[in-house]
Structures are given as C-alpha cells and as structure tokens.
Amino acid sequence: MRDVEIDGEFITLGQLLKLTRCVPTGGAVKAFLRERSVLVNAVREERRGRKLRPGDKVEVPGVGTFRIVGGGGASDAPGAPET
C-alpha cells in the first residue's frame, strides 16, 4: 500500500488516478473507471468526482492500493505501479 499525501481537505478520484499515473490524462479517467473495478473503501466506484479524504483506501486492479493521508503524513512518491 502506498500513501498519497494531500494538502487540502480532499482530492477527487480522477485527480488521484492522474497523480498516481494510472491514467495519462483527465479525459481517460471516465473510461478507466468503466473498464476497471476500482474500489474505494472496498466499494466499487465509477464517479471520477468522488471526494477522497484522509483515511480512504483506493484499490486499483493491476496497479496497487493507495491510502489517502493528510498533510504532514508519510508519503511515497507516486509513480510506477506496484509489483
């Protein structure tokens, strides 16, 4: 599991997918969510605007699991998919 640190109150699922390089552009987010079973706190999510707050866990099949943490928490740099 990789921690993703956010500075504000929330980040959207679409922003997270771009930040972690799961998708190359914002335009690709909608199709990505339709084609993959992305889970937010163990529930399938297809809304790119879903607000993620510290403590939320996002599972992206074939890529990895991400935990949202507030500013000041530990954070791995987003990047290449988990192996």
N, C-alpha and C. Protein backbone atom coordinates (compact mmCIF):
# COMPACT_ATOMS: atom_id res chain seq x y z
N MET A 1 0.85 -1.17 0.00
CA MET A 1 0.00 0.00 0.00
C MET A 1 0.90 1.24 0.00
N ARG A 2 0.53 2.19 -0.82
CA ARG A 2 1.28 3.44 -0.89
C ARG A 2 0.43 4.58 -0.34
N ASP A 3 1.03 5.42 0.45
CA ASP A 3 0.34 6.60 0.99
C ASP A 3 0.43 7.73 -0.02
N VAL A 4 -0.69 8.43 -0.19
CA VAL A 4 -0.73 9.62 -1.05
C VAL A 4 -1.12 10.79 -0.16
N GLU A 5 -0.19 11.71 0.01
CA GLU A 5 -0.42 12.86 0.88
C GLU A 5 -1.15 13.96 0.12
N ILE A 6 -2.18 14.52 0.76
CA ILE A 6 -2.90 15.64 0.17
C ILE A 6 -2.79 16.83 1.10
N ASP A 7 -2.78 18.02 0.51
CA ASP A 7 -2.67 19.24 1.32
C ASP A 7 -4.03 19.79 1.72
N GLY A 8 -5.02 19.63 0.86
CA GLY A 8 -6.35 20.17 1.15
C GLY A 8 -7.21 19.18 1.90
N GLU A 9 -8.50 19.48 1.93
CA GLU A 9 -9.47 18.65 2.63
C GLU A 9 -9.73 17.33 1.90
N PHE A 10 -9.66 17.37 0.56
CA PHE A 10 -9.94 16.17 -0.24
C PHE A 10 -9.23 16.25 -1.58
N ILE A 11 -9.23 15.12 -2.28
CA ILE A 11 -8.77 15.01 -3.66
C ILE A 11 -9.83 14.17 -4.36
N THR A 12 -10.10 14.43 -5.62
CA THR A 12 -11.10 13.62 -6.31
C THR A 12 -10.44 12.33 -6.81
N LEU A 13 -11.26 11.33 -7.06
CA LEU A 13 -10.76 10.06 -7.57
C LEU A 13 -10.04 10.28 -8.90
N GLY A 14 -10.59 11.11 -9.76
CA GLY A 14 -9.95 11.40 -11.04
C GLY A 14 -8.57 12.02 -10.85
N GLN A 15 -8.44 12.95 -9.91
CA GLN A 15 -7.15 13.58 -9.63
C GLN A 15 -6.16 12.55 -9.10
N LEU A 16 -6.64 11.66 -8.25
CA LEU A 16 -5.76 10.62 -7.71
C LEU A 16 -5.25 9.71 -8.82
N LEU A 17 -6.13 9.32 -9.73
CA LEU A 17 -5.73 8.43 -10.82
C LEU A 17 -4.69 9.09 -11.72
N LYS A 18 -4.81 10.39 -11.93
CA LYS A 18 -3.79 11.11 -12.72
C LYS A 18 -2.49 11.24 -11.93
N LEU A 19 -2.59 11.62 -10.67
CA LEU A 19 -1.42 11.81 -9.82
C LEU A 19 -0.58 10.54 -9.71
N THR A 20 -1.24 9.40 -9.62
CA THR A 20 -0.54 8.13 -9.46
C THR A 20 -0.21 7.47 -10.80
N ARG A 21 -0.49 8.19 -11.88
CA ARG A 21 -0.16 7.76 -13.24
C ARG A 21 -0.90 6.49 -13.67
N CYS A 22 -2.09 6.31 -13.11
CA CYS A 22 -2.94 5.20 -13.55
C CYS A 22 -3.54 5.53 -14.92
N VAL A 23 -3.75 6.82 -15.16
CA VAL A 23 -4.27 7.30 -16.44
C VAL A 23 -3.37 8.45 -16.91
N PRO A 24 -3.21 8.60 -18.24
CA PRO A 24 -2.33 9.65 -18.75
C PRO A 24 -2.96 11.05 -18.72
N THR A 25 -4.28 11.12 -18.86
CA THR A 25 -4.96 12.41 -18.92
C THR A 25 -6.29 12.33 -18.17
N GLY A 26 -6.82 13.50 -17.84
CA GLY A 26 -8.13 13.54 -17.18
C GLY A 26 -9.23 12.97 -18.05
N GLY A 27 -9.11 13.12 -19.35
CA GLY A 27 -10.12 12.60 -20.27
C GLY A 27 -10.20 11.08 -20.26
N ALA A 28 -9.15 10.42 -19.84
CA ALA A 28 -9.12 8.95 -19.81
C ALA A 28 -9.74 8.37 -18.55
N VAL A 29 -10.02 9.20 -17.56
CA VAL A 29 -10.49 8.72 -16.27
C VAL A 29 -11.84 8.02 -16.38
N LYS A 30 -12.78 8.62 -17.08
CA LYS A 30 -14.13 8.06 -17.17
C LYS A 30 -14.12 6.64 -17.75
N ALA A 31 -13.40 6.46 -18.86
CA ALA A 31 -13.31 5.14 -19.48
C ALA A 31 -12.58 4.16 -18.57
N PHE A 32 -11.53 4.62 -17.91
CA PHE A 32 -10.77 3.76 -16.99
C PHE A 32 -11.68 3.22 -15.90
N LEU A 33 -12.51 4.10 -15.33
CA LEU A 33 -13.40 3.67 -14.25
C LEU A 33 -14.50 2.74 -14.74
N ARG A 34 -14.91 2.87 -15.99
CA ARG A 34 -15.92 1.96 -16.55
C ARG A 34 -15.33 0.58 -16.79
N GLU A 35 -14.06 0.54 -17.20
CA GLU A 35 -13.43 -0.72 -17.59
C GLU A 35 -12.79 -1.48 -16.44
N ARG A 36 -12.49 -0.80 -15.35
CA ARG A 36 -11.81 -1.44 -14.21
C ARG A 36 -12.68 -1.37 -12.97
N SER A 37 -12.51 -2.32 -12.10
CA SER A 37 -13.25 -2.34 -10.83
C SER A 37 -12.43 -1.64 -9.76
N VAL A 38 -12.43 -0.31 -9.80
CA VAL A 38 -11.72 0.48 -8.81
C VAL A 38 -12.56 0.52 -7.54
N LEU A 39 -11.94 0.19 -6.41
CA LEU A 39 -12.65 0.14 -5.14
C LEU A 39 -12.21 1.28 -4.24
N VAL A 40 -13.16 1.95 -3.65
CA VAL A 40 -12.89 2.97 -2.63
C VAL A 40 -13.49 2.44 -1.34
N ASN A 41 -12.65 2.20 -0.36
CA ASN A 41 -13.08 1.61 0.91
C ASN A 41 -13.90 0.34 0.68
N ALA A 42 -13.39 -0.51 -0.23
CA ALA A 42 -13.95 -1.83 -0.55
C ALA A 42 -15.28 -1.79 -1.31
N VAL A 43 -15.66 -0.62 -1.84
CA VAL A 43 -16.89 -0.49 -2.62
C VAL A 43 -16.53 0.02 -4.01
N ARG A 44 -17.07 -0.64 -5.05
CA ARG A 44 -16.77 -0.21 -6.42
C ARG A 44 -17.22 1.22 -6.65
N GLU A 45 -16.35 2.00 -7.30
CA GLU A 45 -16.64 3.41 -7.54
C GLU A 45 -16.40 3.75 -9.00
N GLU A 46 -17.38 4.40 -9.63
CA GLU A 46 -17.27 4.80 -11.03
C GLU A 46 -17.33 6.32 -11.21
N ARG A 47 -17.49 7.06 -10.11
CA ARG A 47 -17.58 8.53 -10.20
C ARG A 47 -16.19 9.15 -10.10
N ARG A 48 -15.76 9.81 -11.15
CA ARG A 48 -14.43 10.42 -11.13
C ARG A 48 -14.36 11.58 -10.15
N GLY A 49 -15.50 12.16 -9.80
CA GLY A 49 -15.54 13.27 -8.87
C GLY A 49 -15.67 12.86 -7.42
N ARG A 50 -15.62 11.57 -7.15
CA ARG A 50 -15.74 11.06 -5.78
C ARG A 50 -14.66 11.70 -4.92
N LYS A 51 -15.04 12.34 -3.84
CA LYS A 51 -14.10 13.01 -2.95
C LYS A 51 -13.44 12.00 -2.02
N LEU A 52 -12.12 12.02 -2.03
CA LEU A 52 -11.34 11.14 -1.18
C LEU A 52 -10.72 11.97 -0.07
N ARG A 53 -10.88 11.53 1.14
CA ARG A 53 -10.37 12.25 2.31
C ARG A 53 -9.37 11.37 3.05
N PRO A 54 -8.55 11.98 3.91
CA PRO A 54 -7.59 11.18 4.68
C PRO A 54 -8.28 9.98 5.36
N GLY A 55 -7.64 8.84 5.21
CA GLY A 55 -8.17 7.59 5.76
C GLY A 55 -8.81 6.72 4.70
N ASP A 56 -9.20 7.29 3.56
CA ASP A 56 -9.80 6.50 2.49
C ASP A 56 -8.74 5.61 1.84
N LYS A 57 -9.18 4.44 1.40
CA LYS A 57 -8.30 3.48 0.73
C LYS A 57 -8.84 3.21 -0.66
N VAL A 58 -7.97 3.30 -1.67
CA VAL A 58 -8.37 3.09 -3.06
C VAL A 58 -7.57 1.91 -3.61
N GLU A 59 -8.29 0.92 -4.16
CA GLU A 59 -7.66 -0.25 -4.77
C GLU A 59 -7.85 -0.19 -6.27
N VAL A 60 -6.74 -0.21 -7.02
CA VAL A 60 -6.78 -0.15 -8.47
C VAL A 60 -6.19 -1.46 -8.99
N PRO A 61 -7.03 -2.33 -9.58
CA PRO A 61 -6.56 -3.63 -10.06
C PRO A 61 -5.39 -3.48 -11.04
N GLY A 62 -4.36 -4.27 -10.82
CA GLY A 62 -3.20 -4.26 -11.71
C GLY A 62 -2.23 -3.13 -11.44
N VAL A 63 -2.58 -2.24 -10.51
CA VAL A 63 -1.71 -1.09 -10.22
C VAL A 63 -1.27 -1.10 -8.77
N GLY A 64 -2.23 -1.14 -7.85
CA GLY A 64 -1.88 -1.15 -6.44
C GLY A 64 -2.97 -0.55 -5.57
N THR A 65 -2.63 -0.38 -4.31
CA THR A 65 -3.55 0.17 -3.32
C THR A 65 -2.95 1.46 -2.77
N PHE A 66 -3.81 2.46 -2.63
CA PHE A 66 -3.38 3.77 -2.17
C PHE A 66 -4.19 4.17 -0.96
N ARG A 67 -3.52 4.77 0.03
CA ARG A 67 -4.20 5.29 1.20
C ARG A 67 -4.02 6.81 1.21
N ILE A 68 -5.11 7.53 1.38
CA ILE A 68 -5.07 8.97 1.42
C ILE A 68 -4.66 9.41 2.83
N VAL A 69 -3.65 10.28 2.89
CA VAL A 69 -3.21 10.81 4.18
C VAL A 69 -3.19 12.33 4.10
N GLY A 70 -3.44 12.97 5.24
CA GLY A 70 -3.42 14.42 5.29
C GLY A 70 -2.01 14.96 5.29
N GLY A 71 -1.87 16.25 5.09
CA GLY A 71 -0.57 16.90 5.09
C GLY A 71 0.20 16.59 6.35
N GLY A 72 1.49 16.33 6.19
CA GLY A 72 2.32 16.01 7.34
C GLY A 72 2.48 14.51 7.56
N GLY A 73 1.69 13.68 6.84
CA GLY A 73 1.82 12.24 6.98
C GLY A 73 2.90 11.69 6.08
N ALA A 74 3.26 10.43 6.27
CA ALA A 74 4.25 9.79 5.42
C ALA A 74 3.69 9.64 4.03
N SER A 75 4.55 9.76 3.03
CA SER A 75 4.07 9.66 1.65
C SER A 75 5.15 9.06 0.77
N ASP A 76 4.77 8.08 -0.01
CA ASP A 76 5.65 7.58 -1.05
C ASP A 76 5.39 8.40 -2.29
N ALA A 77 6.42 8.67 -3.05
CA ALA A 77 6.22 9.41 -4.28
C ALA A 77 5.40 8.57 -5.23
N PRO A 78 4.36 9.15 -5.83
CA PRO A 78 3.57 8.39 -6.79
C PRO A 78 4.41 8.07 -8.00
N GLY A 79 4.10 6.99 -8.63
CA GLY A 79 4.89 6.66 -9.81
C GLY A 79 4.53 5.31 -10.37
N ALA A 80 5.54 4.55 -10.62
CA ALA A 80 5.37 3.25 -11.28
C ALA A 80 4.45 2.35 -10.45
N PRO A 81 3.69 1.51 -11.14
CA PRO A 81 2.79 0.59 -10.45
C PRO A 81 3.53 -0.34 -9.50
N GLU A 82 2.83 -0.77 -8.46
CA GLU A 82 3.36 -1.72 -7.50
C GLU A 82 3.63 -3.04 -8.18
N THR A 83 4.68 -3.72 -7.75
CA THR A 83 4.96 -5.04 -8.32
C THR A 83 4.66 -6.12 -7.33
